[in-house]
Amino acid sequence: MTTPNTPPPPDAATQGSHQWILTLELPGRAAATQYGTWNPHPGSTRHDVFVAIRQHVTNRFPDLERATVAFFALEPNQL
């Protein structure tokens, strides 16, 4: 049996406490889905985290600054 040469996924200690997915869309022109993990500041609301993540994504993709949010998910990063 052979195994692929892929690096192991990061362990939970190096990941954020929450996993997020965000899709931004400029209808008929462009769309981008990004994902990652996040460590919200104590006392943060879901809205605070949404705004911070949206800013994080639009910093990477400035053309999507005025895009519509097509999808947003924020869940605890645990099974």
N, C-alpha and C. Protein backbone atom coordinates (compact mmCIF):
# COMPACT_ATOMS: atom_id res chain seq x y z
N MET A 1 0.83 -1.17 0.00
CA MET A 1 0.00 0.00 0.00
C MET A 1 0.88 1.25 0.00
N THR A 2 0.56 2.20 -0.82
CA THR A 2 1.32 3.44 -0.86
C THR A 2 0.48 4.57 -0.27
N THR A 3 1.15 5.56 0.26
CA THR A 3 0.45 6.72 0.81
C THR A 3 0.93 7.96 0.07
N PRO A 4 0.04 8.89 -0.16
CA PRO A 4 0.45 10.11 -0.87
C PRO A 4 1.39 10.96 -0.01
N ASN A 5 2.21 11.72 -0.67
CA ASN A 5 3.12 12.63 0.03
C ASN A 5 2.42 13.96 0.30
N THR A 6 1.46 13.95 1.19
CA THR A 6 0.77 15.18 1.56
C THR A 6 1.06 15.46 3.02
N PRO A 7 1.23 16.72 3.35
CA PRO A 7 1.50 17.04 4.74
C PRO A 7 0.27 16.77 5.59
N PRO A 8 0.49 16.40 6.83
CA PRO A 8 -0.66 16.17 7.71
C PRO A 8 -1.37 17.49 7.99
N PRO A 9 -2.67 17.43 8.26
CA PRO A 9 -3.38 18.66 8.58
C PRO A 9 -2.87 19.23 9.91
N PRO A 10 -3.01 20.54 10.10
CA PRO A 10 -2.57 21.10 11.37
C PRO A 10 -3.42 20.53 12.51
N ASP A 11 -2.79 20.36 13.66
CA ASP A 11 -3.57 19.85 14.79
C ASP A 11 -4.48 20.95 15.33
N ALA A 12 -5.46 20.54 16.11
CA ALA A 12 -6.47 21.48 16.60
C ALA A 12 -5.87 22.62 17.41
N ALA A 13 -4.74 22.39 18.05
CA ALA A 13 -4.12 23.45 18.87
C ALA A 13 -3.63 24.61 18.01
N THR A 14 -3.30 24.36 16.75
CA THR A 14 -2.81 25.44 15.89
C THR A 14 -3.92 26.08 15.08
N GLN A 15 -5.13 25.56 15.19
CA GLN A 15 -6.27 26.11 14.47
C GLN A 15 -7.06 27.04 15.39
N GLY A 16 -7.90 27.87 14.79
CA GLY A 16 -8.76 28.74 15.57
C GLY A 16 -9.88 27.97 16.24
N SER A 17 -10.55 28.62 17.16
CA SER A 17 -11.64 27.97 17.90
C SER A 17 -12.91 27.83 17.08
N HIS A 18 -13.03 28.59 15.99
CA HIS A 18 -14.21 28.56 15.13
C HIS A 18 -13.78 28.42 13.67
N GLN A 19 -14.58 27.69 12.90
CA GLN A 19 -14.34 27.54 11.47
C GLN A 19 -15.37 28.39 10.74
N TRP A 20 -14.93 29.09 9.69
CA TRP A 20 -15.83 29.98 8.95
C TRP A 20 -15.73 29.73 7.46
N ILE A 21 -16.83 30.05 6.77
CA ILE A 21 -16.90 30.02 5.31
C ILE A 21 -17.66 31.27 4.89
N LEU A 22 -17.14 31.99 3.91
CA LEU A 22 -17.78 33.21 3.43
C LEU A 22 -17.73 33.22 1.91
N THR A 23 -18.90 33.43 1.29
CA THR A 23 -18.97 33.61 -0.16
C THR A 23 -19.48 35.01 -0.44
N LEU A 24 -18.71 35.75 -1.22
CA LEU A 24 -19.09 37.09 -1.67
C LEU A 24 -19.31 37.04 -3.17
N GLU A 25 -20.32 37.79 -3.63
CA GLU A 25 -20.66 37.73 -5.05
C GLU A 25 -21.02 39.10 -5.59
N LEU A 26 -20.49 39.39 -6.77
CA LEU A 26 -20.93 40.51 -7.59
C LEU A 26 -21.70 39.85 -8.74
N PRO A 27 -23.03 39.81 -8.65
CA PRO A 27 -23.83 39.02 -9.60
C PRO A 27 -23.44 39.27 -11.05
N GLY A 28 -23.19 38.16 -11.74
CA GLY A 28 -22.83 38.21 -13.14
C GLY A 28 -21.40 38.64 -13.43
N ARG A 29 -20.64 38.96 -12.38
CA ARG A 29 -19.27 39.47 -12.60
C ARG A 29 -18.21 38.65 -11.89
N ALA A 30 -18.38 38.41 -10.61
CA ALA A 30 -17.33 37.72 -9.86
C ALA A 30 -17.91 37.13 -8.58
N ALA A 31 -17.25 36.11 -8.08
CA ALA A 31 -17.60 35.51 -6.79
C ALA A 31 -16.35 34.89 -6.20
N ALA A 32 -16.32 34.82 -4.89
CA ALA A 32 -15.20 34.18 -4.21
C ALA A 32 -15.70 33.55 -2.92
N THR A 33 -15.27 32.32 -2.69
CA THR A 33 -15.55 31.64 -1.43
C THR A 33 -14.22 31.45 -0.72
N GLN A 34 -14.17 31.88 0.50
CA GLN A 34 -12.97 31.74 1.33
C GLN A 34 -13.37 31.01 2.61
N TYR A 35 -12.40 30.39 3.25
CA TYR A 35 -12.67 29.69 4.51
C TYR A 35 -11.43 29.70 5.36
N GLY A 36 -11.61 29.43 6.63
CA GLY A 36 -10.49 29.38 7.55
C GLY A 36 -10.97 29.19 8.97
N THR A 37 -10.08 29.42 9.90
CA THR A 37 -10.44 29.35 11.31
C THR A 37 -10.18 30.71 11.94
N TRP A 38 -10.82 30.94 13.08
CA TRP A 38 -10.78 32.25 13.72
C TRP A 38 -10.84 32.07 15.23
N ASN A 39 -10.14 32.92 15.95
CA ASN A 39 -10.23 32.99 17.41
C ASN A 39 -10.88 34.31 17.79
N PRO A 40 -12.20 34.30 18.02
CA PRO A 40 -12.85 35.56 18.40
C PRO A 40 -12.33 36.08 19.73
N HIS A 41 -12.31 37.39 19.85
CA HIS A 41 -11.94 37.99 21.13
C HIS A 41 -13.02 37.69 22.16
N PRO A 42 -12.65 37.50 23.42
CA PRO A 42 -13.67 37.28 24.44
C PRO A 42 -14.71 38.41 24.42
N GLY A 43 -15.97 38.03 24.48
CA GLY A 43 -17.05 39.01 24.46
C GLY A 43 -17.51 39.41 23.07
N SER A 44 -16.85 38.90 22.03
CA SER A 44 -17.26 39.21 20.65
C SER A 44 -18.63 38.63 20.35
N THR A 45 -19.36 39.33 19.50
CA THR A 45 -20.63 38.81 19.02
C THR A 45 -20.40 38.15 17.66
N ARG A 46 -21.41 37.42 17.21
CA ARG A 46 -21.34 36.81 15.88
C ARG A 46 -21.17 37.90 14.82
N HIS A 47 -21.86 39.03 15.01
CA HIS A 47 -21.75 40.14 14.06
C HIS A 47 -20.33 40.71 14.06
N ASP A 48 -19.73 40.87 15.22
CA ASP A 48 -18.34 41.36 15.29
C ASP A 48 -17.42 40.47 14.46
N VAL A 49 -17.58 39.17 14.61
CA VAL A 49 -16.73 38.22 13.88
C VAL A 49 -17.02 38.28 12.39
N PHE A 50 -18.30 38.36 12.02
CA PHE A 50 -18.67 38.48 10.60
C PHE A 50 -18.00 39.69 9.97
N VAL A 51 -18.10 40.85 10.62
CA VAL A 51 -17.51 42.08 10.08
C VAL A 51 -16.00 41.93 9.94
N ALA A 52 -15.35 41.35 10.95
CA ALA A 52 -13.89 41.17 10.90
C ALA A 52 -13.48 40.22 9.78
N ILE A 53 -14.22 39.13 9.62
CA ILE A 53 -13.89 38.16 8.56
C ILE A 53 -14.15 38.77 7.19
N ARG A 54 -15.26 39.48 7.03
CA ARG A 54 -15.56 40.11 5.75
C ARG A 54 -14.45 41.10 5.39
N GLN A 55 -13.98 41.87 6.37
CA GLN A 55 -12.88 42.80 6.11
C GLN A 55 -11.61 42.05 5.73
N HIS A 56 -11.35 40.95 6.41
CA HIS A 56 -10.18 40.11 6.11
C HIS A 56 -10.22 39.65 4.66
N VAL A 57 -11.39 39.18 4.21
CA VAL A 57 -11.53 38.68 2.84
C VAL A 57 -11.43 39.81 1.83
N THR A 58 -12.10 40.93 2.09
CA THR A 58 -12.06 42.03 1.11
C THR A 58 -10.69 42.72 1.07
N ASN A 59 -9.90 42.57 2.12
CA ASN A 59 -8.52 43.06 2.04
C ASN A 59 -7.73 42.24 1.02
N ARG A 60 -8.04 40.95 0.91
CA ARG A 60 -7.39 40.09 -0.07
C ARG A 60 -7.96 40.28 -1.47
N PHE A 61 -9.26 40.62 -1.54
CA PHE A 61 -9.96 40.77 -2.82
C PHE A 61 -10.69 42.12 -2.83
N PRO A 62 -9.97 43.22 -3.01
CA PRO A 62 -10.58 44.55 -2.94
C PRO A 62 -11.74 44.76 -3.90
N ASP A 63 -11.74 44.07 -5.03
CA ASP A 63 -12.85 44.21 -5.98
C ASP A 63 -14.18 43.76 -5.39
N LEU A 64 -14.13 42.96 -4.31
CA LEU A 64 -15.35 42.45 -3.71
C LEU A 64 -15.83 43.30 -2.52
N GLU A 65 -15.25 44.45 -2.34
CA GLU A 65 -15.62 45.32 -1.22
C GLU A 65 -17.13 45.59 -1.18
N ARG A 66 -17.73 45.79 -2.33
CA ARG A 66 -19.17 46.10 -2.40
C ARG A 66 -20.02 44.89 -2.77
N ALA A 67 -19.44 43.70 -2.67
CA ALA A 67 -20.14 42.48 -3.06
C ALA A 67 -21.24 42.12 -2.06
N THR A 68 -22.17 41.36 -2.55
CA THR A 68 -23.25 40.81 -1.73
C THR A 68 -22.75 39.56 -1.02
N VAL A 69 -23.14 39.39 0.22
CA VAL A 69 -22.82 38.16 0.94
C VAL A 69 -23.82 37.09 0.50
N ALA A 70 -23.31 36.06 -0.17
CA ALA A 70 -24.17 34.97 -0.62
C ALA A 70 -24.27 33.87 0.43
N PHE A 71 -23.20 33.73 1.25
CA PHE A 71 -23.19 32.68 2.27
C PHE A 71 -22.21 33.05 3.36
N PHE A 72 -22.60 32.78 4.61
CA PHE A 72 -21.70 32.94 5.74
C PHE A 72 -22.02 31.86 6.76
N ALA A 73 -21.00 31.17 7.21
CA ALA A 73 -21.16 30.18 8.27
C ALA A 73 -20.04 30.36 9.29
N LEU A 74 -20.38 30.23 10.55
CA LEU A 74 -19.42 30.30 11.65
C LEU A 74 -19.83 29.27 12.67
N GLU A 75 -18.97 28.28 12.89
CA GLU A 75 -19.28 27.18 13.78
C GLU A 75 -18.09 26.88 14.68
N PRO A 76 -18.35 26.34 15.87
CA PRO A 76 -17.23 25.90 16.71
C PRO A 76 -16.39 24.88 15.94
N ASN A 77 -15.11 24.97 16.06
CA ASN A 77 -14.18 24.11 15.32
C ASN A 77 -13.88 22.85 16.12
N GLN A 78 -14.91 22.07 16.31
CA GLN A 78 -14.75 20.80 17.02
C GLN A 78 -15.80 19.81 16.54
N LEU A 79 -15.52 18.55 16.69
CA LEU A 79 -16.50 17.51 16.33
C LEU A 79 -17.08 16.91 17.58
